[in-house]
All heavy atoms as atom14 arrays in JSON, in Angstrom:
{
  "sequence": "LDPFTGVWRPPSGALPPLLAVLAGGAILAVLAAVVAGDS",
  "atom14_mask": [
    [1, 1, 1, 1, 1, 1, 1, 1, 0, 0, 0, 0, 0, 0],
    [1, 1, 1, 1, 1, 1, 1, 1, 0, 0, 0, 0, 0, 0],
    [1, 1, 1, 1, 1, 1, 1, 0, 0, 0, 0, 0, 0, 0],
    [1, 1, 1, 1, 1, 1, 1, 1, 1, 1, 1, 0, 0, 0],
    [1, 1, 1, 1, 1, 1, 1, 0, 0, 0, 0, 0, 0, 0],
    [1, 1, 1, 1, 0, 0, 0, 0, 0, 0, 0, 0, 0, 0],
    [1, 1, 1, 1, 1, 1, 1, 0, 0, 0, 0, 0, 0, 0],
    [1, 1, 1, 1, 1, 1, 1, 1, 1, 1, 1, 1, 1, 1],
    [1, 1, 1, 1, 1, 1, 1, 1, 1, 1, 1, 0, 0, 0],
    [1, 1, 1, 1, 1, 1, 1, 0, 0, 0, 0, 0, 0, 0],
    [1, 1, 1, 1, 1, 1, 1, 0, 0, 0, 0, 0, 0, 0],
    [1, 1, 1, 1, 1, 1, 0, 0, 0, 0, 0, 0, 0, 0],
    [1, 1, 1, 1, 0, 0, 0, 0, 0, 0, 0, 0, 0, 0],
    [1, 1, 1, 1, 1, 0, 0, 0, 0, 0, 0, 0, 0, 0],
    [1, 1, 1, 1, 1, 1, 1, 1, 0, 0, 0, 0, 0, 0],
    [1, 1, 1, 1, 1, 1, 1, 0, 0, 0, 0, 0, 0, 0],
    [1, 1, 1, 1, 1, 1, 1, 0, 0, 0, 0, 0, 0, 0],
    [1, 1, 1, 1, 1, 1, 1, 1, 0, 0, 0, 0, 0, 0],
    [1, 1, 1, 1, 1, 1, 1, 1, 0, 0, 0, 0, 0, 0],
    [1, 1, 1, 1, 1, 0, 0, 0, 0, 0, 0, 0, 0, 0],
    [1, 1, 1, 1, 1, 1, 1, 0, 0, 0, 0, 0, 0, 0],
    [1, 1, 1, 1, 1, 1, 1, 1, 0, 0, 0, 0, 0, 0],
    [1, 1, 1, 1, 1, 0, 0, 0, 0, 0, 0, 0, 0, 0],
    [1, 1, 1, 1, 0, 0, 0, 0, 0, 0, 0, 0, 0, 0],
    [1, 1, 1, 1, 0, 0, 0, 0, 0, 0, 0, 0, 0, 0],
    [1, 1, 1, 1, 1, 0, 0, 0, 0, 0, 0, 0, 0, 0],
    [1, 1, 1, 1, 1, 1, 1, 1, 0, 0, 0, 0, 0, 0],
    [1, 1, 1, 1, 1, 1, 1, 1, 0, 0, 0, 0, 0, 0],
    [1, 1, 1, 1, 1, 0, 0, 0, 0, 0, 0, 0, 0, 0],
    [1, 1, 1, 1, 1, 1, 1, 0, 0, 0, 0, 0, 0, 0],
    [1, 1, 1, 1, 1, 1, 1, 1, 0, 0, 0, 0, 0, 0],
    [1, 1, 1, 1, 1, 0, 0, 0, 0, 0, 0, 0, 0, 0],
    [1, 1, 1, 1, 1, 0, 0, 0, 0, 0, 0, 0, 0, 0],
    [1, 1, 1, 1, 1, 1, 1, 0, 0, 0, 0, 0, 0, 0],
    [1, 1, 1, 1, 1, 1, 1, 0, 0, 0, 0, 0, 0, 0],
    [1, 1, 1, 1, 1, 0, 0, 0, 0, 0, 0, 0, 0, 0],
    [1, 1, 1, 1, 0, 0, 0, 0, 0, 0, 0, 0, 0, 0],
    [1, 1, 1, 1, 1, 1, 1, 1, 0, 0, 0, 0, 0, 0],
    [1, 1, 1, 1, 1, 1, 0, 0, 0, 0, 0, 0, 0, 0]
  ],
  "atom14_positions": [
    [[80.3, -68.95, 3.1], [81.6, -69.26, 3.69], [82.68, -68.32, 3.16], [83.08, -68.4, 1.99], [81.99, -70.71, 3.38], [83.3, -71.2, 4.0], [83.18, -71.26, 5.52], [83.68, -72.55, 3.46], [0.0, 0.0, 0.0], [0.0, 0.0, 0.0], [0.0, 0.0, 0.0], [0.0, 0.0, 0.0], [0.0, 0.0, 0.0], [0.0, 0.0, 0.0]],
    [[83.11, -67.39, 4.0], [84.19, -66.47, 3.67], [84.75, -65.92, 4.97], [84.2, -64.97, 5.54], [83.7, -65.33, 2.78], [84.84, -64.45, 2.29], [86.02, -64.73, 2.63], [84.57, -63.47, 1.59], [0.0, 0.0, 0.0], [0.0, 0.0, 0.0], [0.0, 0.0, 0.0], [0.0, 0.0, 0.0], [0.0, 0.0, 0.0], [0.0, 0.0, 0.0]],
    [[85.83, -66.49, 5.49], [86.37, -66.05, 6.78], [87.07, -64.69, 6.73], [87.49, -64.17, 7.75], [87.35, -67.15, 7.16], [87.77, -67.74, 5.86], [86.59, -67.61, 4.95], [0.0, 0.0, 0.0], [0.0, 0.0, 0.0], [0.0, 0.0, 0.0], [0.0, 0.0, 0.0], [0.0, 0.0, 0.0], [0.0, 0.0, 0.0], [0.0, 0.0, 0.0]],
    [[87.2, -64.09, 5.54], [87.92, -62.82, 5.41], [86.99, -61.61, 5.42], [87.45, -60.49, 5.29], [88.77, -62.82, 4.15], [89.81, -63.91, 4.16], [89.63, -65.06, 3.38], [90.94, -63.81, 4.95], [90.58, -66.07, 3.4], [91.88, -64.83, 4.98], [91.69, -65.95, 4.2], [0.0, 0.0, 0.0], [0.0, 0.0, 0.0], [0.0, 0.0, 0.0]],
    [[85.68, -61.82, 5.5], [84.74, -60.7, 5.53], [83.99, -60.72, 6.85], [84.06, -61.67, 7.6], [83.72, -60.8, 4.38], [82.97, -62.0, 4.54], [84.39, -60.78, 3.03], [0.0, 0.0, 0.0], [0.0, 0.0, 0.0], [0.0, 0.0, 0.0], [0.0, 0.0, 0.0], [0.0, 0.0, 0.0], [0.0, 0.0, 0.0], [0.0, 0.0, 0.0]],
    [[83.26, -59.65, 7.11], [82.43, -59.59, 8.31], [82.83, -58.46, 9.22], [83.85, -57.79, 9.02], [0.0, 0.0, 0.0], [0.0, 0.0, 0.0], [0.0, 0.0, 0.0], [0.0, 0.0, 0.0], [0.0, 0.0, 0.0], [0.0, 0.0, 0.0], [0.0, 0.0, 0.0], [0.0, 0.0, 0.0], [0.0, 0.0, 0.0], [0.0, 0.0, 0.0]],
    [[82.02, -58.26, 10.23], [82.21, -57.15, 11.16], [83.32, -57.44, 12.16], [84.21, -56.63, 12.38], [80.88, -56.88, 11.91], [81.04, -55.71, 12.84], [79.76, -56.64, 10.92], [0.0, 0.0, 0.0], [0.0, 0.0, 0.0], [0.0, 0.0, 0.0], [0.0, 0.0, 0.0], [0.0, 0.0, 0.0], [0.0, 0.0, 0.0], [0.0, 0.0, 0.0]],
    [[83.27, -58.62, 12.77], [84.26, -58.96, 13.79], [85.39, -59.75, 13.16], [85.18, -60.59, 12.29], [83.61, -59.79, 14.89], [84.58, -60.2, 15.95], [84.93, -59.48, 17.04], [85.36, -61.4, 16.0], [85.86, -60.16, 17.78], [86.15, -61.35, 17.15], [85.48, -62.5, 15.17], [87.02, -62.35, 17.52], [86.36, -63.51, 15.53], [87.12, -63.43, 16.7]],
    [[86.6, -59.5, 13.6], [87.76, -60.26, 13.13], [88.68, -60.56, 14.3], [88.72, -59.8, 15.26], [88.53, -59.45, 12.09], [87.7, -59.26, 10.84], [88.56, -59.23, 9.62], [87.67, -59.03, 8.49], [87.86, -58.13, 7.57], [88.9, -57.36, 7.62], [87.01, -58.03, 6.58], [0.0, 0.0, 0.0], [0.0, 0.0, 0.0], [0.0, 0.0, 0.0]],
    [[89.46, -61.63, 14.19], [90.45, -61.89, 15.24], [91.44, -60.72, 15.3], [91.63, -60.01, 14.31], [91.15, -63.17, 14.77], [90.22, -63.8, 13.8], [89.44, -62.69, 13.19], [0.0, 0.0, 0.0], [0.0, 0.0, 0.0], [0.0, 0.0, 0.0], [0.0, 0.0, 0.0], [0.0, 0.0, 0.0], [0.0, 0.0, 0.0], [0.0, 0.0, 0.0]],
    [[92.07, -60.49, 16.45], [92.99, -59.35, 16.59], [94.1, -59.33, 15.54], [94.52, -58.26, 15.1], [93.59, -59.53, 17.99], [92.61, -60.37, 18.72], [91.92, -61.22, 17.71], [0.0, 0.0, 0.0], [0.0, 0.0, 0.0], [0.0, 0.0, 0.0], [0.0, 0.0, 0.0], [0.0, 0.0, 0.0], [0.0, 0.0, 0.0], [0.0, 0.0, 0.0]],
    [[94.56, -60.48, 15.1], [95.64, -60.52, 14.11], [95.12, -60.65, 12.69], [95.91, -60.77, 11.76], [96.57, -61.69, 14.43], [95.84, -62.9, 14.37], [0.0, 0.0, 0.0], [0.0, 0.0, 0.0], [0.0, 0.0, 0.0], [0.0, 0.0, 0.0], [0.0, 0.0, 0.0], [0.0, 0.0, 0.0], [0.0, 0.0, 0.0], [0.0, 0.0, 0.0]],
    [[93.81, -60.64, 12.51], [93.23, -60.85, 11.19], [92.86, -62.31, 10.98], [93.13, -63.16, 11.83], [0.0, 0.0, 0.0], [0.0, 0.0, 0.0], [0.0, 0.0, 0.0], [0.0, 0.0, 0.0], [0.0, 0.0, 0.0], [0.0, 0.0, 0.0], [0.0, 0.0, 0.0], [0.0, 0.0, 0.0], [0.0, 0.0, 0.0], [0.0, 0.0, 0.0]],
    [[92.24, -62.59, 9.87], [91.75, -63.95, 9.62], [92.83, -64.9, 9.1], [92.74, -66.11, 9.27], [90.6, -63.89, 8.63], [0.0, 0.0, 0.0], [0.0, 0.0, 0.0], [0.0, 0.0, 0.0], [0.0, 0.0, 0.0], [0.0, 0.0, 0.0], [0.0, 0.0, 0.0], [0.0, 0.0, 0.0], [0.0, 0.0, 0.0], [0.0, 0.0, 0.0]],
    [[93.86, -64.37, 8.47], [94.84, -65.23, 7.82], [95.73, -66.02, 8.81], [95.93, -67.22, 8.61], [95.71, -64.4, 6.87], [96.57, -65.19, 5.91], [95.73, -66.11, 5.05], [97.38, -64.26, 5.04], [0.0, 0.0, 0.0], [0.0, 0.0, 0.0], [0.0, 0.0, 0.0], [0.0, 0.0, 0.0], [0.0, 0.0, 0.0], [0.0, 0.0, 0.0]],
    [[96.28, -65.4, 9.87], [97.15, -66.18, 10.76], [96.5, -67.42, 11.39], [97.13, -68.48, 11.41], [97.58, -65.16, 11.83], [97.51, -63.86, 11.12], [96.34, -63.97, 10.2], [0.0, 0.0, 0.0], [0.0, 0.0, 0.0], [0.0, 0.0, 0.0], [0.0, 0.0, 0.0], [0.0, 0.0, 0.0], [0.0, 0.0, 0.0], [0.0, 0.0, 0.0]],
    [[95.25, -67.34, 11.9], [94.67, -68.58, 12.44], [94.48, -69.66, 11.37], [94.74, -70.84, 11.63], [93.31, -68.15, 13.0], [93.36, -66.69, 13.13], [94.36, -66.19, 12.17], [0.0, 0.0, 0.0], [0.0, 0.0, 0.0], [0.0, 0.0, 0.0], [0.0, 0.0, 0.0], [0.0, 0.0, 0.0], [0.0, 0.0, 0.0], [0.0, 0.0, 0.0]],
    [[94.07, -69.26, 10.18], [93.9, -70.24, 9.11], [95.23, -70.86, 8.7], [95.33, -72.07, 8.49], [93.22, -69.6, 7.9], [91.75, -69.26, 8.08], [91.27, -68.36, 6.94], [90.91, -70.52, 8.15], [0.0, 0.0, 0.0], [0.0, 0.0, 0.0], [0.0, 0.0, 0.0], [0.0, 0.0, 0.0], [0.0, 0.0, 0.0], [0.0, 0.0, 0.0]],
    [[96.27, -70.04, 8.61], [97.59, -70.56, 8.26], [98.15, -71.46, 9.36], [98.81, -72.46, 9.07], [98.56, -69.41, 7.98], [98.33, -68.65, 6.67], [99.31, -67.48, 6.56], [98.47, -69.58, 5.47], [0.0, 0.0, 0.0], [0.0, 0.0, 0.0], [0.0, 0.0, 0.0], [0.0, 0.0, 0.0], [0.0, 0.0, 0.0], [0.0, 0.0, 0.0]],
    [[97.88, -71.12, 10.62], [98.35, -71.93, 11.74], [97.71, -73.32, 11.71], [98.4, -74.34, 11.89], [98.05, -71.25, 13.07], [0.0, 0.0, 0.0], [0.0, 0.0, 0.0], [0.0, 0.0, 0.0], [0.0, 0.0, 0.0], [0.0, 0.0, 0.0], [0.0, 0.0, 0.0], [0.0, 0.0, 0.0], [0.0, 0.0, 0.0], [0.0, 0.0, 0.0]],
    [[96.4, -73.38, 11.46], [95.73, -74.67, 11.38], [96.21, -75.45, 10.16], [96.44, -76.66, 10.23], [94.19, -74.49, 11.37], [93.48, -75.78, 11.05], [93.73, -73.96, 12.71], [0.0, 0.0, 0.0], [0.0, 0.0, 0.0], [0.0, 0.0, 0.0], [0.0, 0.0, 0.0], [0.0, 0.0, 0.0], [0.0, 0.0, 0.0], [0.0, 0.0, 0.0]],
    [[96.39, -74.78, 9.06], [96.89, -75.43, 7.85], [98.3, -75.97, 8.06], [98.61, -77.11, 7.69], [96.86, -74.45, 6.68], [97.19, -75.01, 5.31], [96.16, -76.06, 4.91], [97.24, -73.91, 4.28], [0.0, 0.0, 0.0], [0.0, 0.0, 0.0], [0.0, 0.0, 0.0], [0.0, 0.0, 0.0], [0.0, 0.0, 0.0], [0.0, 0.0, 0.0]],
    [[99.17, -75.17, 8.68], [100.54, -75.62, 8.96], [100.54, -76.8, 9.93], [101.29, -77.77, 9.74], [101.36, -74.46, 9.53], [0.0, 0.0, 0.0], [0.0, 0.0, 0.0], [0.0, 0.0, 0.0], [0.0, 0.0, 0.0], [0.0, 0.0, 0.0], [0.0, 0.0, 0.0], [0.0, 0.0, 0.0], [0.0, 0.0, 0.0], [0.0, 0.0, 0.0]],
    [[99.71, -76.74, 10.97], [99.63, -77.85, 11.92], [99.17, -79.13, 11.24], [99.72, -80.21, 11.48], [0.0, 0.0, 0.0], [0.0, 0.0, 0.0], [0.0, 0.0, 0.0], [0.0, 0.0, 0.0], [0.0, 0.0, 0.0], [0.0, 0.0, 0.0], [0.0, 0.0, 0.0], [0.0, 0.0, 0.0], [0.0, 0.0, 0.0], [0.0, 0.0, 0.0]],
    [[98.17, -79.02, 10.38], [97.7, -80.2, 9.66], [98.75, -80.75, 8.72], [98.92, -81.97, 8.6], [0.0, 0.0, 0.0], [0.0, 0.0, 0.0], [0.0, 0.0, 0.0], [0.0, 0.0, 0.0], [0.0, 0.0, 0.0], [0.0, 0.0, 0.0], [0.0, 0.0, 0.0], [0.0, 0.0, 0.0], [0.0, 0.0, 0.0], [0.0, 0.0, 0.0]],
    [[99.48, -79.86, 8.05], [100.54, -80.31, 7.15], [101.66, -81.01, 7.93], [102.17, -82.05, 7.49], [101.11, -79.12, 6.37], [0.0, 0.0, 0.0], [0.0, 0.0, 0.0], [0.0, 0.0, 0.0], [0.0, 0.0, 0.0], [0.0, 0.0, 0.0], [0.0, 0.0, 0.0], [0.0, 0.0, 0.0], [0.0, 0.0, 0.0], [0.0, 0.0, 0.0]],
    [[102.03, -80.46, 9.07], [103.07, -81.08, 9.9], [102.62, -82.46, 10.36], [103.38, -83.43, 10.32], [103.43, -80.17, 11.09], [104.18, -78.94, 10.59], [104.24, -80.93, 12.13], [104.36, -77.86, 11.64], [0.0, 0.0, 0.0], [0.0, 0.0, 0.0], [0.0, 0.0, 0.0], [0.0, 0.0, 0.0], [0.0, 0.0, 0.0], [0.0, 0.0, 0.0]],
    [[101.35, -82.58, 10.8], [100.85, -83.89, 11.22], [100.82, -84.89, 10.07], [101.14, -86.06, 10.26], [99.46, -83.74, 11.84], [99.42, -83.18, 13.25], [97.98, -83.0, 13.7], [100.17, -84.07, 14.21], [0.0, 0.0, 0.0], [0.0, 0.0, 0.0], [0.0, 0.0, 0.0], [0.0, 0.0, 0.0], [0.0, 0.0, 0.0], [0.0, 0.0, 0.0]],
    [[100.44, -84.44, 8.89], [100.42, -85.33, 7.73], [101.83, -85.81, 7.38], [102.04, -86.99, 7.08], [99.77, -84.64, 6.54], [0.0, 0.0, 0.0], [0.0, 0.0, 0.0], [0.0, 0.0, 0.0], [0.0, 0.0, 0.0], [0.0, 0.0, 0.0], [0.0, 0.0, 0.0], [0.0, 0.0, 0.0], [0.0, 0.0, 0.0], [0.0, 0.0, 0.0]],
    [[102.81, -84.91, 7.44], [104.19, -85.29, 7.17], [104.69, -86.26, 8.24], [105.34, -87.27, 7.93], [105.1, -84.05, 7.07], [106.56, -84.43, 7.07], [104.76, -83.26, 5.81], [0.0, 0.0, 0.0], [0.0, 0.0, 0.0], [0.0, 0.0, 0.0], [0.0, 0.0, 0.0], [0.0, 0.0, 0.0], [0.0, 0.0, 0.0], [0.0, 0.0, 0.0]],
    [[104.38, -85.98, 9.51], [104.78, -86.89, 10.58], [104.15, -88.26, 10.4], [104.8, -89.29, 10.62], [104.41, -86.31, 11.94], [105.33, -85.24, 12.48], [104.76, -84.65, 13.76], [106.71, -85.81, 12.75], [0.0, 0.0, 0.0], [0.0, 0.0, 0.0], [0.0, 0.0, 0.0], [0.0, 0.0, 0.0], [0.0, 0.0, 0.0], [0.0, 0.0, 0.0]],
    [[102.87, -88.29, 10.02], [102.21, -89.58, 9.79], [102.88, -90.34, 8.67], [103.05, -91.56, 8.75], [100.73, -89.36, 9.48], [0.0, 0.0, 0.0], [0.0, 0.0, 0.0], [0.0, 0.0, 0.0], [0.0, 0.0, 0.0], [0.0, 0.0, 0.0], [0.0, 0.0, 0.0], [0.0, 0.0, 0.0], [0.0, 0.0, 0.0], [0.0, 0.0, 0.0]],
    [[103.29, -89.64, 7.62], [103.94, -90.29, 6.49], [105.33, -90.79, 6.86], [105.76, -91.85, 6.4], [104.03, -89.33, 5.31], [0.0, 0.0, 0.0], [0.0, 0.0, 0.0], [0.0, 0.0, 0.0], [0.0, 0.0, 0.0], [0.0, 0.0, 0.0], [0.0, 0.0, 0.0], [0.0, 0.0, 0.0], [0.0, 0.0, 0.0], [0.0, 0.0, 0.0]],
    [[106.03, -90.06, 7.71], [107.41, -90.42, 8.06], [107.45, -91.48, 9.16], [108.21, -92.44, 9.08], [108.19, -89.16, 8.49], [109.54, -89.53, 9.08], [108.36, -88.23, 7.31], [0.0, 0.0, 0.0], [0.0, 0.0, 0.0], [0.0, 0.0, 0.0], [0.0, 0.0, 0.0], [0.0, 0.0, 0.0], [0.0, 0.0, 0.0], [0.0, 0.0, 0.0]],
    [[106.61, -91.33, 10.17], [106.68, -92.21, 11.33], [106.04, -93.56, 11.08], [106.52, -94.58, 11.57], [106.02, -91.52, 12.56], [105.91, -92.47, 13.73], [106.83, -90.3, 12.95], [0.0, 0.0, 0.0], [0.0, 0.0, 0.0], [0.0, 0.0, 0.0], [0.0, 0.0, 0.0], [0.0, 0.0, 0.0], [0.0, 0.0, 0.0], [0.0, 0.0, 0.0]],
    [[104.95, -93.6, 10.32], [104.28, -94.88, 10.05], [105.19, -95.75, 9.21], [105.48, -95.44, 8.07], [102.95, -94.64, 9.34], [0.0, 0.0, 0.0], [0.0, 0.0, 0.0], [0.0, 0.0, 0.0], [0.0, 0.0, 0.0], [0.0, 0.0, 0.0], [0.0, 0.0, 0.0], [0.0, 0.0, 0.0], [0.0, 0.0, 0.0], [0.0, 0.0, 0.0]],
    [[105.65, -96.84, 9.78], [106.54, -97.73, 9.06], [105.75, -98.84, 8.39], [104.6, -99.09, 8.72], [0.0, 0.0, 0.0], [0.0, 0.0, 0.0], [0.0, 0.0, 0.0], [0.0, 0.0, 0.0], [0.0, 0.0, 0.0], [0.0, 0.0, 0.0], [0.0, 0.0, 0.0], [0.0, 0.0, 0.0], [0.0, 0.0, 0.0], [0.0, 0.0, 0.0]],
    [[106.37, -99.52, 7.47], [105.72, -100.63, 6.8], [106.32, -101.97, 7.2], [106.15, -102.96, 6.52], [105.79, -100.46, 5.28], [104.76, -99.46, 4.79], [103.71, -99.33, 5.45], [105.01, -98.81, 3.76], [0.0, 0.0, 0.0], [0.0, 0.0, 0.0], [0.0, 0.0, 0.0], [0.0, 0.0, 0.0], [0.0, 0.0, 0.0], [0.0, 0.0, 0.0]],
    [[107.01, -101.99, 8.32], [107.53, -103.25, 8.83], [106.36, -104.02, 9.44], [105.55, -103.44, 10.14], [108.59, -102.96, 9.9], [108.78, -104.08, 10.71], [0.0, 0.0, 0.0], [0.0, 0.0, 0.0], [0.0, 0.0, 0.0], [0.0, 0.0, 0.0], [0.0, 0.0, 0.0], [0.0, 0.0, 0.0], [0.0, 0.0, 0.0], [0.0, 0.0, 0.0]]
  ]
}
């Protein structure tokens, strides 16, 4: 497991897709924490 090596790479490199998925997951986690009420 190493998405930064290999022959083929995404046009923008391996880092932007990984960061996009990480950012999306972080945003969803924050939304879940903020929106879920305890009423």
